[in-house]
N, C-alpha and C. Protein backbone atom coordinates (compact mmCIF):
# COMPACT_ATOMS: atom_id res chain seq x y z
N MET A 1 61.45 132.09 3.91
CA MET A 1 62.04 131.02 4.75
C MET A 1 61.64 129.58 3.91
N GLY A 2 60.36 129.46 3.54
CA GLY A 2 60.02 128.25 2.93
C GLY A 2 60.89 128.04 1.63
N PHE A 3 61.03 129.14 0.91
CA PHE A 3 61.75 129.10 -0.31
C PHE A 3 63.12 128.44 0.01
N PHE A 4 63.89 128.91 0.89
CA PHE A 4 65.15 128.48 1.24
C PHE A 4 65.14 126.84 1.66
N LYS A 5 64.15 126.52 2.51
CA LYS A 5 63.98 125.27 2.90
C LYS A 5 63.70 124.36 1.88
N SER A 6 62.86 124.65 0.86
CA SER A 6 62.57 123.80 -0.21
C SER A 6 63.74 123.75 -1.22
N PHE A 7 64.54 124.89 -1.26
CA PHE A 7 65.68 124.96 -2.25
C PHE A 7 66.69 124.09 -1.73
N PHE A 8 67.07 123.97 -0.49
CA PHE A 8 68.14 123.33 0.03
C PHE A 8 67.85 122.04 0.41
N SER A 9 66.75 121.57 0.65
CA SER A 9 66.27 120.24 1.17
C SER A 9 66.50 119.12 0.18
N GLY A 10 66.41 119.62 -1.13
CA GLY A 10 66.61 118.52 -2.22
C GLY A 10 65.33 117.72 -2.58
N LYS A 11 64.19 118.22 -1.96
CA LYS A 11 63.12 117.33 -2.34
C LYS A 11 62.55 117.63 -3.64
N SER A 12 62.12 116.64 -4.36
CA SER A 12 61.53 116.81 -5.60
C SER A 12 60.03 117.34 -5.62
N ASP A 13 59.55 117.73 -6.56
CA ASP A 13 58.16 118.28 -6.64
C ASP A 13 57.28 117.21 -6.74
N SER A 14 56.01 117.34 -6.54
CA SER A 14 55.04 116.20 -6.41
C SER A 14 54.96 115.48 -7.81
N PRO A 15 54.45 114.36 -7.77
CA PRO A 15 54.45 113.44 -8.99
C PRO A 15 53.60 114.05 -9.98
N ALA A 16 52.56 114.72 -9.60
CA ALA A 16 51.58 115.52 -10.58
C ALA A 16 52.36 116.57 -11.31
N ASN A 17 53.07 117.40 -10.38
CA ASN A 17 53.90 118.56 -10.94
C ASN A 17 54.97 118.12 -11.99
N GLU A 18 55.57 116.96 -11.49
CA GLU A 18 56.67 116.41 -12.47
C GLU A 18 55.95 115.94 -13.73
N LYS A 19 54.93 115.26 -13.68
CA LYS A 19 54.23 114.77 -14.96
C LYS A 19 53.87 116.00 -15.81
N GLN A 20 53.33 117.03 -15.25
CA GLN A 20 53.09 118.18 -16.02
C GLN A 20 54.19 118.84 -16.63
N LYS A 21 55.39 118.94 -15.91
CA LYS A 21 56.70 119.47 -16.44
C LYS A 21 57.03 118.42 -17.73
N ASN A 22 56.91 117.19 -17.46
CA ASN A 22 57.38 116.28 -18.54
C ASN A 22 56.59 116.56 -19.74
N GLU A 23 55.33 116.60 -19.56
CA GLU A 23 54.36 116.83 -20.65
C GLU A 23 54.69 118.09 -21.45
N GLN A 24 54.91 119.19 -20.63
CA GLN A 24 55.29 120.54 -21.38
C GLN A 24 56.62 120.39 -21.98
N LYS A 25 57.52 119.74 -21.51
CA LYS A 25 58.93 119.35 -22.09
C LYS A 25 58.71 118.69 -23.41
N ASN A 26 57.91 117.51 -23.46
CA ASN A 26 57.64 116.76 -24.53
C ASN A 26 56.84 117.45 -25.62
N PHE A 27 55.99 118.34 -25.13
CA PHE A 27 55.26 119.09 -26.15
C PHE A 27 56.15 120.04 -26.85
N GLU A 28 57.05 120.84 -26.27
CA GLU A 28 58.10 121.63 -26.84
C GLU A 28 58.95 120.93 -27.70
N ILE A 29 59.46 119.71 -27.35
CA ILE A 29 60.27 118.95 -28.21
C ILE A 29 59.72 118.78 -29.50
N PHE A 30 58.56 118.00 -29.35
CA PHE A 30 57.70 117.80 -30.63
C PHE A 30 57.32 119.00 -31.52
N LYS A 31 57.08 120.05 -30.85
CA LYS A 31 56.71 121.22 -31.63
C LYS A 31 57.90 121.94 -32.49
N TYR A 32 59.05 121.96 -31.73
CA TYR A 32 60.28 122.59 -32.33
C TYR A 32 60.99 121.52 -33.27
N ASP A 33 60.88 120.29 -33.05
CA ASP A 33 61.34 119.31 -33.98
C ASP A 33 60.47 119.41 -35.16
N GLY A 34 59.24 119.58 -35.18
CA GLY A 34 58.42 119.82 -36.29
C GLY A 34 58.73 121.06 -37.10
N MET A 35 59.00 121.98 -36.34
CA MET A 35 59.23 123.30 -37.09
C MET A 35 60.71 123.23 -37.78
N ARG A 36 61.73 122.47 -37.12
CA ARG A 36 62.97 122.13 -37.78
C ARG A 36 62.76 121.22 -39.27
N ALA A 37 61.80 120.26 -38.97
CA ALA A 37 61.68 119.38 -40.15
C ALA A 37 60.97 120.03 -41.20
N GLN A 38 60.04 120.95 -40.89
CA GLN A 38 59.36 121.71 -41.95
C GLN A 38 60.34 122.58 -42.75
N ARG A 39 61.23 123.16 -42.01
CA ARG A 39 62.21 124.02 -42.74
C ARG A 39 63.18 123.14 -43.68
N MET A 40 63.34 121.95 -43.08
CA MET A 40 64.28 121.20 -43.78
C MET A 40 63.60 120.36 -45.06
N GLY A 41 62.18 120.55 -45.19
CA GLY A 41 61.54 119.86 -46.21
C GLY A 41 60.95 118.50 -45.92
N ARG A 42 61.06 118.08 -44.61
CA ARG A 42 60.80 116.70 -44.25
C ARG A 42 59.25 116.90 -43.78
N THR A 43 58.30 117.11 -44.56
CA THR A 43 57.15 117.24 -44.22
C THR A 43 56.39 116.19 -43.60
N ASP A 44 56.74 114.93 -43.87
CA ASP A 44 56.22 113.70 -43.18
C ASP A 44 56.53 113.56 -41.79
N TYR A 45 57.75 113.92 -41.52
CA TYR A 45 58.19 113.98 -40.10
C TYR A 45 57.59 115.18 -39.32
N ALA A 46 57.49 116.29 -40.00
CA ALA A 46 56.80 117.49 -39.38
C ALA A 46 55.43 117.18 -39.03
N ILE A 47 54.64 116.50 -39.89
CA ILE A 47 53.28 116.21 -39.56
C ILE A 47 53.21 115.29 -38.32
N LYS A 48 54.07 114.41 -38.21
CA LYS A 48 54.06 113.41 -36.98
C LYS A 48 54.46 114.22 -35.81
N CYS A 49 55.43 114.93 -35.96
CA CYS A 49 55.77 115.94 -34.65
C CYS A 49 54.58 116.71 -34.07
N PHE A 50 54.04 117.43 -35.21
CA PHE A 50 53.07 118.39 -34.80
C PHE A 50 51.83 117.60 -34.29
N THR A 51 51.51 116.50 -34.81
CA THR A 51 50.28 115.71 -34.41
C THR A 51 50.60 115.33 -32.96
N GLU A 52 51.84 114.81 -32.79
CA GLU A 52 52.16 114.28 -31.44
C GLU A 52 52.10 115.52 -30.31
N ALA A 53 52.60 116.64 -30.80
CA ALA A 53 52.54 117.69 -29.88
C ALA A 53 50.98 118.00 -29.45
N LEU A 54 50.25 118.09 -30.60
CA LEU A 54 48.91 118.57 -30.29
C LEU A 54 48.04 117.31 -29.60
N ALA A 55 48.48 116.19 -29.53
CA ALA A 55 47.90 115.23 -28.64
C ALA A 55 48.27 115.51 -27.26
N ILE A 56 49.41 116.11 -27.02
CA ILE A 56 49.75 116.44 -25.57
C ILE A 56 49.06 117.71 -25.09
N GLN A 57 49.10 118.77 -25.95
CA GLN A 57 48.59 119.95 -25.48
C GLN A 57 47.97 120.75 -26.84
N GLU A 58 46.77 121.09 -26.65
CA GLU A 58 46.19 122.03 -27.73
C GLU A 58 46.78 123.32 -27.84
N ASP A 59 47.32 123.61 -28.97
CA ASP A 59 47.99 124.93 -29.16
C ASP A 59 47.68 125.55 -30.53
N PHE A 60 47.19 126.78 -30.37
CA PHE A 60 46.85 127.42 -31.68
C PHE A 60 47.98 127.49 -32.74
N GLU A 61 49.12 127.95 -32.21
CA GLU A 61 50.30 128.16 -33.02
C GLU A 61 50.80 126.86 -33.66
N THR A 62 50.78 125.71 -33.04
CA THR A 62 51.18 124.44 -33.44
C THR A 62 50.07 124.06 -34.53
N MET A 63 48.83 124.30 -34.25
CA MET A 63 47.92 124.04 -35.12
C MET A 63 48.12 124.63 -36.50
N GLY A 64 48.54 125.84 -36.47
CA GLY A 64 48.86 126.75 -37.57
C GLY A 64 50.01 126.28 -38.38
N TYR A 65 50.98 125.67 -37.60
CA TYR A 65 52.09 125.01 -38.34
C TYR A 65 51.77 123.74 -38.94
N LEU A 66 50.79 123.10 -38.33
CA LEU A 66 50.40 121.81 -39.02
C LEU A 66 49.66 122.01 -40.30
N ALA A 67 48.70 122.97 -40.30
CA ALA A 67 48.08 123.51 -41.34
C ALA A 67 48.99 123.91 -42.43
N GLN A 68 50.01 124.59 -42.20
CA GLN A 68 50.95 124.99 -43.18
C GLN A 68 51.64 123.78 -43.80
N VAL A 69 51.86 122.76 -43.09
CA VAL A 69 52.54 121.58 -43.55
C VAL A 69 51.61 120.84 -44.41
N TYR A 70 50.39 120.76 -44.07
CA TYR A 70 49.30 120.04 -44.87
C TYR A 70 49.25 120.82 -46.17
N THR A 71 49.12 122.18 -46.13
CA THR A 71 49.05 122.88 -47.31
C THR A 71 50.31 122.54 -48.26
N GLN A 72 51.47 122.67 -47.72
CA GLN A 72 52.79 122.50 -48.35
C GLN A 72 52.77 121.20 -49.06
N THR A 73 52.27 120.20 -48.33
CA THR A 73 52.25 118.87 -48.91
C THR A 73 51.42 118.62 -50.06
N ASN A 74 50.25 119.09 -49.79
CA ASN A 74 49.26 119.15 -51.08
C ASN A 74 49.81 119.88 -52.29
N TRP A 75 50.38 120.97 -52.05
CA TRP A 75 50.82 121.83 -53.17
C TRP A 75 52.06 121.02 -53.76
N THR A 76 52.90 120.36 -53.04
CA THR A 76 54.00 119.69 -53.61
C THR A 76 53.49 118.37 -54.41
N ARG A 77 52.44 117.72 -53.93
CA ARG A 77 51.90 116.71 -54.64
C ARG A 77 51.17 117.15 -55.94
N ARG A 78 50.58 118.28 -55.94
CA ARG A 78 49.91 118.78 -57.17
C ARG A 78 50.98 119.12 -58.10
N THR A 79 52.11 119.66 -57.77
CA THR A 79 53.18 120.28 -58.73
C THR A 79 53.83 118.99 -59.30
N ASN A 80 53.99 117.88 -58.41
CA ASN A 80 54.61 116.67 -58.95
C ASN A 80 53.76 115.96 -60.01
N CYS A 81 52.38 116.04 -59.86
CA CYS A 81 51.52 115.47 -60.72
C CYS A 81 51.50 116.17 -62.03
N TRP A 82 51.56 117.57 -61.89
CA TRP A 82 51.78 118.38 -63.06
C TRP A 82 52.98 118.15 -63.89
N ASN A 83 54.10 117.97 -63.26
CA ASN A 83 55.30 117.80 -63.89
C ASN A 83 55.50 116.39 -64.50
N ALA A 84 54.63 115.26 -64.05
CA ALA A 84 54.70 114.02 -64.61
C ALA A 84 54.30 113.92 -66.05
């Protein structure tokens, strides 16, 4: 009965719950934007996105993606130096 009452009453969640949902949403936006940027070769933007995501929530997978981008960036800078 409580489910239907809350479902049909139209009341929103508590402010704390809303904040948590927004933080999770923003975390996922930054994480997946970073993944897309990494695939597109935009390592600068990927680093910003992953860093922002990790500021919201510590996540092992996102840390791994950030490490990959840092490695990729260092490798790109080395190869550019060698080609110069």
